[in-house]
Amino acid sequence: MKFLADIDVMPLKALLDPQGKAVTGSMKNLGLQEIQNVRIGKHISLEIEANTLEIATAKVDEACKKLLCNQIMEFYEFKLTQI
């Protein structure tokens, strides 16, 4: 079976997000002061071939832990759908 993984990687809430802070400041300059506390991360989409949803979940989790996410500074979450 083939699965599509949609992965979101975000900076930990306890850490400063310089990009998010810069965008938050720019929102105020654009007259959008209602928008606050912007956090910027990354979205990763990948396809995986696996026999079961459980195997696909384990493989995506392993990829996130080993390559896609720096767990010292970031956290991740993902959703798998069969395609």
PDB file of N, CA and C in Angstrom:
ATOM      1  N   MET A   1       0.849  -1.178   0.000  1.00  0.00           N
ATOM      2  CA  MET A   1       0.000   0.000   0.000  1.00  0.00           C
ATOM      3  C   MET A   1       0.894   1.240   0.000  1.00  0.00           C
ATOM      4  N   LYS A   2       0.351   2.296  -0.528  1.00  0.00           N
ATOM      5  CA  LYS A   2       1.087   3.555  -0.574  1.00  0.00           C
ATOM      6  C   LYS A   2       0.376   4.564   0.327  1.00  0.00           C
ATOM      7  N   PHE A   3       1.177   5.308   1.089  1.00  0.00           N
ATOM      8  CA  PHE A   3       0.656   6.300   2.016  1.00  0.00           C
ATOM      9  C   PHE A   3       1.290   7.656   1.734  1.00  0.00           C
ATOM     10  N   LEU A   4       0.554   8.698   2.056  1.00  0.00           N
ATOM     11  CA  LEU A   4       1.064  10.065   1.989  1.00  0.00           C
ATOM     12  C   LEU A   4       1.197  10.570   3.419  1.00  0.00           C
ATOM     13  N   ALA A   5       2.392  11.045   3.751  1.00  0.00           N
ATOM     14  CA  ALA A   5       2.631  11.610   5.077  1.00  0.00           C
ATOM     15  C   ALA A   5       2.726  13.121   4.957  1.00  0.00           C
ATOM     16  N   ASP A   6       1.953  13.814   5.743  1.00  0.00           N
ATOM     17  CA  ASP A   6       2.035  15.273   5.865  1.00  0.00           C
ATOM     18  C   ASP A   6       2.607  15.558   7.242  1.00  0.00           C
ATOM     19  N   ILE A   7       3.817  16.123   7.252  1.00  0.00           N
ATOM     20  CA  ILE A   7       4.571  16.315   8.488  1.00  0.00           C
ATOM     21  C   ILE A   7       4.743  17.806   8.745  1.00  0.00           C
ATOM     22  N   ASP A   8       4.455  18.229   9.957  1.00  0.00           N
ATOM     23  CA  ASP A   8       4.704  19.608  10.377  1.00  0.00           C
ATOM     24  C   ASP A   8       5.784  19.603  11.443  1.00  0.00           C
ATOM     25  N   VAL A   9       6.823  20.412  11.220  1.00  0.00           N
ATOM     26  CA  VAL A   9       7.916  20.552  12.174  1.00  0.00           C
ATOM     27  C   VAL A   9       7.918  22.005  12.634  1.00  0.00           C
ATOM     28  N   MET A  10       7.840  22.200  13.939  1.00  0.00           N
ATOM     29  CA  MET A  10       7.757  23.543  14.500  1.00  0.00           C
ATOM     30  C   MET A  10       8.794  23.719  15.608  1.00  0.00           C
ATOM     31  N   PRO A  11       9.234  24.972  15.829  1.00  0.00           N
ATOM     32  CA  PRO A  11      10.140  25.196  16.961  1.00  0.00           C
ATOM     33  C   PRO A  11       9.407  24.951  18.276  1.00  0.00           C
ATOM     34  N   LEU A  12      10.145  24.459  19.264  1.00  0.00           N
ATOM     35  CA  LEU A  12       9.554  24.259  20.582  1.00  0.00           C
ATOM     36  C   LEU A  12       9.016  25.580  21.117  1.00  0.00           C
ATOM     37  N   LYS A  13       7.891  25.528  21.792  1.00  0.00           N
ATOM     38  CA  LYS A  13       7.253  26.749  22.291  1.00  0.00           C
ATOM     39  C   LYS A  13       8.128  27.508  23.280  1.00  0.00           C
ATOM     40  N   ALA A  14       8.986  26.802  24.009  1.00  0.00           N
ATOM     41  CA  ALA A  14       9.839  27.441  25.011  1.00  0.00           C
ATOM     42  C   ALA A  14      11.023  28.187  24.385  1.00  0.00           C
ATOM     43  N   LEU A  15      11.273  27.961  23.088  1.00  0.00           N
ATOM     44  CA  LEU A  15      12.419  28.579  22.430  1.00  0.00           C
ATOM     45  C   LEU A  15      12.010  29.793  21.605  1.00  0.00           C
ATOM     46  N   LEU A  16      12.925  30.718  21.494  1.00  0.00           N
ATOM     47  CA  LEU A  16      12.712  31.900  20.661  1.00  0.00           C
ATOM     48  C   LEU A  16      12.636  31.490  19.194  1.00  0.00           C
ATOM     49  N   ASP A  17      11.714  32.084  18.468  1.00  0.00           N
ATOM     50  CA  ASP A  17      11.567  31.852  17.031  1.00  0.00           C
ATOM     51  C   ASP A  17      11.874  33.176  16.330  1.00  0.00           C
ATOM     52  N   PRO A  18      13.136  33.425  15.930  1.00  0.00           N
ATOM     53  CA  PRO A  18      13.502  34.717  15.343  1.00  0.00           C
ATOM     54  C   PRO A  18      12.711  35.051  14.079  1.00  0.00           C
ATOM     55  N   GLN A  19      12.454  34.061  13.226  1.00  0.00           N
ATOM     56  CA  GLN A  19      11.669  34.330  12.019  1.00  0.00           C
ATOM     57  C   GLN A  19      10.248  34.743  12.387  1.00  0.00           C
ATOM     58  N   GLY A  20       9.657  34.012  13.310  1.00  0.00           N
ATOM     59  CA  GLY A  20       8.302  34.332  13.740  1.00  0.00           C
ATOM     60  C   GLY A  20       8.227  35.715  14.366  1.00  0.00           C
ATOM     61  N   LYS A  21       9.244  36.055  15.157  1.00  0.00           N
ATOM     62  CA  LYS A  21       9.276  37.365  15.793  1.00  0.00           C
ATOM     63  C   LYS A  21       9.373  38.475  14.745  1.00  0.00           C
ATOM     64  N   ALA A  22      10.201  38.275  13.720  1.00  0.00           N
ATOM     65  CA  ALA A  22      10.338  39.262  12.646  1.00  0.00           C
ATOM     66  C   ALA A  22       9.018  39.436  11.889  1.00  0.00           C
ATOM     67  N   VAL A  23       8.345  38.332  11.617  1.00  0.00           N
ATOM     68  CA  VAL A  23       7.062  38.409  10.909  1.00  0.00           C
ATOM     69  C   VAL A  23       6.010  39.081  11.780  1.00  0.00           C
ATOM     70  N   THR A  24       6.007  38.776  13.076  1.00  0.00           N
ATOM     71  CA  THR A  24       5.070  39.424  13.993  1.00  0.00           C
ATOM     72  C   THR A  24       5.266  40.935  13.966  1.00  0.00           C
ATOM     73  N   GLY A  25       6.530  41.382  13.996  1.00  0.00           N
ATOM     74  CA  GLY A  25       6.823  42.816  13.924  1.00  0.00           C
ATOM     75  C   GLY A  25       6.365  43.426  12.613  1.00  0.00           C
ATOM     76  N   SER A  26       6.547  42.700  11.527  1.00  0.00           N
ATOM     77  CA  SER A  26       6.118  43.204  10.216  1.00  0.00           C
ATOM     78  C   SER A  26       4.605  43.307  10.122  1.00  0.00           C
ATOM     79  N   MET A  27       3.895  42.411  10.778  1.00  0.00           N
ATOM     80  CA  MET A  27       2.427  42.478  10.774  1.00  0.00           C
ATOM     81  C   MET A  27       1.967  43.810  11.374  1.00  0.00           C
ATOM     82  N   LYS A  28       2.608  44.229  12.442  1.00  0.00           N
ATOM     83  CA  LYS A  28       2.256  45.511  13.062  1.00  0.00           C
ATOM     84  C   LYS A  28       2.529  46.662  12.106  1.00  0.00           C
ATOM     85  N   ASN A  29       3.647  46.587  11.387  1.00  0.00           N
ATOM     86  CA  ASN A  29       3.990  47.632  10.417  1.00  0.00           C
ATOM     87  C   ASN A  29       2.997  47.692   9.264  1.00  0.00           C
ATOM     88  N   LEU A  30       2.352  46.570   8.974  1.00  0.00           N
ATOM     89  CA  LEU A  30       1.369  46.514   7.891  1.00  0.00           C
ATOM     90  C   LEU A  30      -0.044  46.846   8.362  1.00  0.00           C
ATOM     91  N   GLY A  31      -0.166  47.237   9.616  1.00  0.00           N
ATOM     92  CA  GLY A  31      -1.484  47.564  10.157  1.00  0.00           C
ATOM     93  C   GLY A  31      -2.265  46.341  10.598  1.00  0.00           C
ATOM     94  N   LEU A  32      -1.582  45.228  10.790  1.00  0.00           N
ATOM     95  CA  LEU A  32      -2.240  43.989  11.200  1.00  0.00           C
ATOM     96  C   LEU A  32      -1.849  43.640  12.626  1.00  0.00           C
ATOM     97  N   GLN A  33      -1.964  44.595  13.534  1.00  0.00           N
ATOM     98  CA  GLN A  33      -1.535  44.397  14.912  1.00  0.00           C
ATOM     99  C   GLN A  33      -2.344  43.339  15.648  1.00  0.00           C
ATOM    100  N   GLU A  34      -3.479  42.915  15.089  1.00  0.00           N
ATOM    101  CA  GLU A  34      -4.271  41.858  15.707  1.00  0.00           C
ATOM    102  C   GLU A  34      -3.555  40.500  15.617  1.00  0.00           C
ATOM    103  N   ILE A  35      -2.622  40.374  14.677  1.00  0.00           N
ATOM    104  CA  ILE A  35      -1.887  39.123  14.499  1.00  0.00           C
ATOM    105  C   ILE A  35      -0.657  39.149  15.396  1.00  0.00           C
ATOM    106  N   GLN A  36      -0.566  38.167  16.285  1.00  0.00           N
ATOM    107  CA  GLN A  36       0.520  38.131  17.265  1.00  0.00           C
ATOM    108  C   GLN A  36       1.088  36.719  17.386  1.00  0.00           C
ATOM    109  N   ASN A  37       2.265  36.630  17.976  1.00  0.00           N
ATOM    110  CA  ASN A  37       2.898  35.351  18.302  1.00  0.00           C
ATOM    111  C   ASN A  37       2.999  34.396  17.114  1.00  0.00           C
ATOM    112  N   VAL A  38       3.497  34.903  15.987  1.00  0.00           N
ATOM    113  CA  VAL A  38       3.692  34.070  14.800  1.00  0.00           C
ATOM    114  C   VAL A  38       4.827  33.087  15.072  1.00  0.00           C
ATOM    115  N   ARG A  39       4.624  31.841  14.710  1.00  0.00           N
ATOM    116  CA  ARG A  39       5.658  30.802  14.797  1.00  0.00           C
ATOM    117  C   ARG A  39       5.834  30.236  13.395  1.00  0.00           C
ATOM    118  N   ILE A  40       7.055  30.109  12.946  1.00  0.00           N
ATOM    119  CA  ILE A  40       7.320  29.629  11.593  1.00  0.00           C
ATOM    120  C   ILE A  40       8.044  28.293  11.678  1.00  0.00           C
ATOM    121  N   GLY A  41       7.546  27.327  10.942  1.00  0.00           N
ATOM    122  CA  GLY A  41       8.139  26.001  10.894  1.00  0.00           C
ATOM    123  C   GLY A  41       8.247  25.533   9.460  1.00  0.00           C
ATOM    124  N   LYS A  42       8.182  24.236   9.281  1.00  0.00           N
ATOM    125  CA  LYS A  42       8.253  23.684   7.929  1.00  0.00           C
ATOM    126  C   LYS A  42       7.237  22.555   7.779  1.00  0.00           C
ATOM    127  N   HIS A  43       6.781  22.399   6.547  1.00  0.00           N
ATOM    128  CA  HIS A  43       5.842  21.330   6.211  1.00  0.00           C
ATOM    129  C   HIS A  43       6.547  20.410   5.223  1.00  0.00           C
ATOM    130  N   ILE A  44       6.507  19.116   5.500  1.00  0.00           N
ATOM    131  CA  ILE A  44       7.151  18.123   4.647  1.00  0.00           C
ATOM    132  C   ILE A  44       6.093  17.122   4.213  1.00  0.00           C
ATOM    133  N   SER A  45       6.093  16.815   2.936  1.00  0.00           N
ATOM    134  CA  SER A  45       5.165  15.827   2.396  1.00  0.00           C
ATOM    135  C   SER A  45       6.000  14.724   1.758  1.00  0.00           C
ATOM    136  N   LEU A  46       5.655  13.475   2.061  1.00  0.00           N
ATOM    137  CA  LEU A  46       6.385  12.367   1.443  1.00  0.00           C
ATOM    138  C   LEU A  46       5.464  11.181   1.245  1.00  0.00           C
ATOM    139  N   GLU A  47       5.825  10.351   0.282  1.00  0.00           N
ATOM    140  CA  GLU A  47       5.084   9.119   0.029  1.00  0.00           C
ATOM    141  C   GLU A  47       5.893   7.950   0.567  1.00  0.00           C
ATOM    142  N   ILE A  48       5.199   6.973   1.104  1.00  0.00           N
ATOM    143  CA  ILE A  48       5.864   5.797   1.664  1.00  0.00           C
ATOM    144  C   ILE A  48       5.104   4.548   1.249  1.00  0.00           C
ATOM    145  N   GLU A  49       5.848   3.541   0.858  1.00  0.00           N
ATOM    146  CA  GLU A  49       5.283   2.242   0.511  1.00  0.00           C
ATOM    147  C   GLU A  49       5.442   1.338   1.726  1.00  0.00           C
ATOM    148  N   ALA A  50       4.324   0.801   2.234  1.00  0.00           N
ATOM    149  CA  ALA A  50       4.366  -0.080   3.408  1.00  0.00           C
ATOM    150  C   ALA A  50       3.173  -1.029   3.359  1.00  0.00           C
ATOM    151  N   ASN A  51       3.321  -2.174   4.007  1.00  0.00           N
ATOM    152  CA  ASN A  51       2.249  -3.172   4.009  1.00  0.00           C
ATOM    153  C   ASN A  51       1.065  -2.781   4.879  1.00  0.00           C
ATOM    154  N   THR A  52       1.330  -2.021   5.973  1.00  0.00           N
ATOM    155  CA  THR A  52       0.257  -1.637   6.883  1.00  0.00           C
ATOM    156  C   THR A  52       0.441  -0.183   7.327  1.00  0.00           C
ATOM    157  N   LEU A  53      -0.619   0.376   7.863  1.00  0.00           N
ATOM    158  CA  LEU A  53      -0.561   1.728   8.414  1.00  0.00           C
ATOM    159  C   LEU A  53       0.418   1.794   9.584  1.00  0.00           C
ATOM    160  N   GLU A  54       0.465   0.749  10.387  1.00  0.00           N
ATOM    161  CA  GLU A  54       1.365   0.727  11.543  1.00  0.00           C
ATOM    162  C   GLU A  54       2.834   0.777  11.115  1.00  0.00           C
ATOM    163  N   ILE A  55       3.177   0.028  10.072  1.00  0.00           N
ATOM    164  CA  ILE A  55       4.551   0.045   9.561  1.00  0.00           C
ATOM    165  C   ILE A  55       4.874   1.413   8.984  1.00  0.00           C
ATOM    166  N   ALA A  56       3.957   1.982   8.223  1.00  0.00           N
ATOM    167  CA  ALA A  56       4.173   3.313   7.647  1.00  0.00           C
ATOM    168  C   ALA A  56       4.363   4.349   8.751  1.00  0.00           C
ATOM    169  N   THR A  57       3.550   4.252   9.790  1.00  0.00           N
ATOM    170  CA  THR A  57       3.666   5.183  10.917  1.00  0.00           C
ATOM    171  C   THR A  57       5.036   5.073  11.569  1.00  0.00           C
ATOM    172  N   ALA A  58       5.493   3.860  11.788  1.00  0.00           N
ATOM    173  CA  ALA A  58       6.801   3.647  12.418  1.00  0.00           C
ATOM    174  C   ALA A  58       7.928   4.196  11.551  1.00  0.00           C
ATOM    175  N   LYS A  59       7.841   4.007  10.245  1.00  0.00           N
ATOM    176  CA  LYS A  59       8.892   4.485   9.339  1.00  0.00           C
ATOM    177  C   LYS A  59       8.926   6.008   9.285  1.00  0.00           C
ATOM    178  N   VAL A  60       7.769   6.640   9.217  1.00  0.00           N
ATOM    179  CA  VAL A  60       7.723   8.107   9.181  1.00  0.00           C
ATOM    180  C   VAL A  60       8.230   8.664  10.506  1.00  0.00           C
ATOM    181  N   ASP A  61       7.840   8.057  11.600  1.00  0.00           N
ATOM    182  CA  ASP A  61       8.310   8.489  12.913  1.00  0.00           C
ATOM    183  C   ASP A  61       9.841   8.389  12.994  1.00  0.00           C
ATOM    184  N   GLU A  62      10.388   7.307  12.488  1.00  0.00           N
ATOM    185  CA  GLU A  62      11.841   7.116  12.482  1.00  0.00           C
ATOM    186  C   GLU A  62      12.527   8.173  11.618  1.00  0.00           C
ATOM    187  N   ALA A  63      11.966   8.464  10.444  1.00  0.00           N
ATOM    188  CA  ALA A  63      12.538   9.487   9.561  1.00  0.00           C
ATOM    189  C   ALA A  63      12.531  10.857  10.233  1.00  0.00           C
ATOM    190  N   CYS A  64      11.452  11.157  10.934  1.00  0.00           N
ATOM    191  CA  CYS A  64      11.369  12.441  11.637  1.00  0.00           C
ATOM    192  C   CYS A  64      12.434  12.530  12.726  1.00  0.00           C
ATOM    193  N   LYS A  65      12.559  11.478  13.511  1.00  0.00           N
ATOM    194  CA  LYS A  65      13.505  11.477  14.626  1.00  0.00           C
ATOM    195  C   LYS A  65      14.955  11.507  14.156  1.00  0.00           C
ATOM    196  N   LYS A  66      15.255  10.807  13.055  1.00  0.00           N
ATOM    197  CA  LYS A  66      16.642  10.671  12.614  1.00  0.00           C
ATOM    198  C   LYS A  66      17.097  11.762  11.647  1.00  0.00           C
ATOM    199  N   LEU A  67      16.167  12.383  10.921  1.00  0.00           N
ATOM    200  CA  LEU A  67      16.595  13.299   9.864  1.00  0.00           C
ATOM    201  C   LEU A  67      15.794  14.599   9.767  1.00  0.00           C
ATOM    202  N   LEU A  68      14.489  14.519   9.857  1.00  0.00           N
ATOM    203  CA  LEU A  68      13.651  15.663   9.511  1.00  0.00           C
ATOM    204  C   LEU A  68      13.463  16.672  10.633  1.00  0.00           C
ATOM    205  N   CYS A  69      13.694  16.272  11.864  1.00  0.00           N
ATOM    206  CA  CYS A  69      13.423  17.145  13.008  1.00  0.00           C
ATOM    207  C   CYS A  69      14.608  17.130  13.972  1.00  0.00           C
ATOM    208  N   ASN A  70      15.035  18.304  14.387  1.00  0.00           N
ATOM    209  CA  ASN A  70      16.038  18.431  15.446  1.00  0.00           C
ATOM    210  C   ASN A  70      15.263  18.507  16.756  1.00  0.00           C
ATOM    211  N   GLN A  71      15.152  17.396  17.461  1.00  0.00           N
ATOM    212  CA  GLN A  71      14.283  17.318  18.630  1.00  0.00           C
ATOM    213  C   GLN A  71      14.770  18.151  19.811  1.00  0.00           C
ATOM    214  N   ILE A  72      15.974  18.671  19.738  1.00  0.00           N
ATOM    215  CA  ILE A  72      16.456  19.580  20.778  1.00  0.00           C
ATOM    216  C   ILE A  72      15.744  20.923  20.661  1.00  0.00           C
ATOM    217  N   MET A  73      15.435  21.331  19.424  1.00  0.00           N
ATOM    218  CA  MET A  73      14.847  22.646  19.190  1.00  0.00           C
ATOM    219  C   MET A  73      13.456  22.598  18.561  1.00  0.00           C
ATOM    220  N   GLU A  74      13.022  21.431  18.088  1.00  0.00           N
ATOM    221  CA  GLU A  74      11.772  21.343  17.339  1.00  0.00           C
ATOM    222  C   GLU A  74      10.936  20.157  17.823  1.00  0.00           C
ATOM    223  N   PHE A  75       9.650  20.213  17.481  1.00  0.00           N
ATOM    224  CA  PHE A  75       8.775  19.058  17.664  1.00  0.00           C
ATOM    225  C   PHE A  75       8.079  18.806  16.335  1.00  0.00           C
ATOM    226  N   TYR A  76       7.526  17.623  16.186  1.00  0.00           N
ATOM    227  CA  TYR A  76       6.860  17.286  14.927  1.00  0.00           C
ATOM    228  C   TYR A  76       5.554  16.563  15.206  1.00  0.00           C
ATOM    229  N   GLU A  77       4.694  16.627  14.218  1.00  0.00           N
ATOM    230  CA  GLU A  77       3.471  15.825  14.200  1.00  0.00           C
ATOM    231  C   GLU A  77       3.170  15.514  12.746  1.00  0.00           C
ATOM    232  N   PHE A  78       2.513  14.391  12.527  1.00  0.00           N
ATOM    233  CA  PHE A  78       2.221  14.015  11.139  1.00  0.00           C
ATOM    234  C   PHE A  78       0.899  13.285  11.044  1.00  0.00           C
ATOM    235  N   LYS A  79       0.410  13.275   9.798  1.00  0.00           N
ATOM    236  CA  LYS A  79      -0.843  12.593   9.480  1.00  0.00           C
ATOM    237  C   LYS A  79      -0.564  11.706   8.270  1.00  0.00           C
ATOM    238  N   LEU A  80      -1.008  10.492   8.314  1.00  0.00           N
ATOM    239  CA  LEU A  80      -0.858   9.565   7.193  1.00  0.00           C
ATOM    240  C   LEU A  80      -2.215   9.303   6.552  1.00  0.00           C
ATOM    241  N   THR A  81      -2.226   9.311   5.233  1.00  0.00           N
ATOM    242  CA  THR A  81      -3.437   8.925   4.492  1.00  0.00           C
ATOM    243  C   THR A  81      -3.043   7.927   3.420  1.00  0.00           C
ATOM    244  N   GLN A  82      -3.889   6.971   3.205  1.00  0.00           N
ATOM    245  CA  GLN A  82      -3.622   5.983   2.152  1.00  0.00           C
ATOM    246  C   GLN A  82      -3.960   6.593   0.804  1.00  0.00           C
ATOM    247  N   ILE A  83      -3.076   6.385  -0.172  1.00  0.00           N
ATOM    248  CA  ILE A  83      -3.329   6.907  -1.523  1.00  0.00           C
ATOM    249  C   ILE A  83      -3.374   5.768  -2.526  1.00  0.00           C
TER     250      ILE A  83
END
